[in-house]
Protein backbone atom coordinates (compact mmCIF):
# COMPACT_ATOMS: atom_id res chain seq x y z
CA MET A 1 80.15 192.04 141.85
CA TYR A 2 77.15 194.20 140.92
CA GLU A 3 73.88 194.74 142.77
CA VAL A 4 70.71 194.18 140.74
CA HIS A 5 67.63 196.30 141.51
CA LEU A 6 64.21 196.17 139.87
CA SER A 7 62.08 199.24 139.25
CA GLN A 8 58.47 199.18 140.47
CA ASN A 9 57.24 198.63 136.91
CA ALA A 10 59.60 195.69 136.37
CA GLN A 11 58.64 194.11 139.70
CA LYS A 12 54.93 194.58 139.00
CA PHE A 13 55.24 192.91 135.59
CA LEU A 14 57.24 190.04 137.08
CA ASP A 15 54.65 189.50 139.83
CA LYS A 16 51.89 188.99 137.23
CA LEU A 17 53.69 186.17 135.42
CA GLN A 18 53.35 182.44 136.02
CA GLN A 19 55.67 181.08 138.70
CA ASP A 20 57.92 179.09 136.34
CA ILE A 21 58.43 182.06 134.01
CA GLN A 22 59.09 184.34 137.00
CA GLU A 23 61.79 181.98 138.24
CA ARG A 24 63.44 181.72 134.82
CA ILE A 25 63.59 185.50 134.40
CA THR A 26 64.79 186.01 137.99
CA GLU A 27 67.60 183.46 137.50
CA ARG A 28 68.76 185.18 134.31
CA LEU A 29 68.71 188.58 136.03
CA LYS A 30 70.79 187.19 138.91
CA ASN A 31 73.45 186.23 136.36
CA LEU A 32 73.97 189.93 135.69
CA LYS A 33 75.56 190.29 139.15
CA GLU A 34 78.72 188.59 137.96
CA ASN A 35 78.54 189.38 134.25
CA PRO A 36 76.79 192.73 133.74
CA VAL A 37 77.10 192.57 129.94
CA PRO A 38 76.48 188.98 128.80
CA SER A 39 76.87 188.04 125.13
CA ASP A 40 73.09 188.18 124.55
CA ALA A 41 72.76 191.72 125.92
CA LYS A 42 72.72 194.53 123.38
CA PHE A 43 73.92 198.07 124.00
CA ILE A 44 71.14 200.48 122.99
CA GLY A 45 72.32 203.87 124.23
CA ARG A 46 73.45 206.13 127.04
CA GLU A 47 71.68 208.25 129.61
CA ASN A 48 73.95 210.60 131.56
CA ASN A 49 76.95 208.39 132.39
CA ASP A 50 74.91 205.17 132.43
CA LYS A 51 74.90 202.60 129.65
CA ILE A 52 71.52 201.16 128.67
CA PHE A 53 71.21 197.55 127.51
CA ARG A 54 68.54 195.20 126.30
CA TYR A 55 68.72 191.65 127.67
CA ARG A 56 66.97 188.80 125.91
CA ILE A 57 65.20 186.22 128.08
CA GLY A 58 63.21 183.93 125.78
CA ASN A 59 60.19 185.87 124.48
CA PHE A 60 60.81 188.59 127.05
CA ARG A 61 63.20 191.52 127.11
CA ALA A 62 64.63 193.40 130.07
CA LEU A 63 65.87 196.95 129.67
CA TYR A 64 68.51 197.90 132.20
CA LYS A 65 70.92 200.66 133.10
CA LEU A 66 74.46 199.78 134.02
CA LYS A 67 75.77 202.23 136.62
CA GLU A 68 79.45 201.29 136.58
CA ASN A 69 80.58 203.91 139.09
CA GLU A 70 78.07 202.53 141.66
CA ASN A 71 78.40 198.84 140.71
CA THR A 72 74.63 198.77 140.27
CA ILE A 73 72.26 197.45 137.62
CA LEU A 74 68.76 198.92 137.49
CA ILE A 75 66.23 196.80 135.62
CA SER A 76 63.89 199.52 134.40
CA LYS A 77 61.44 197.44 132.34
CA ILE A 78 60.56 193.81 131.60
CA ASP A 79 57.99 192.97 128.96
CA LYS A 80 57.27 190.85 125.92
CA ARG A 81 59.51 191.47 122.96
CA ASP A 82 57.00 193.49 120.93
CA LYS A 83 55.93 195.74 123.85
CA VAL A 84 59.14 196.50 125.74
CA TYR A 85 59.98 199.64 123.77
CA ASP A 86 56.54 201.30 124.14
């Protein structure tokens, strides 16, 4: 079982969204606790010993680091598909 943490930027973006969209994204992120690399997540690189993934949630994308040695997932950014990589 992994712990899921949101960065300040990810939390701030989530707080600005409509309630129903917030809930949908939050539910999908909770799924990462049991399955840290779902089939719709894409590996995009490494930073130190951490793997970085992109997770598709409708028109939104979440970028996250998988820290396997700490059993932690850090959601670093959530944004619309065309802006998440800026």
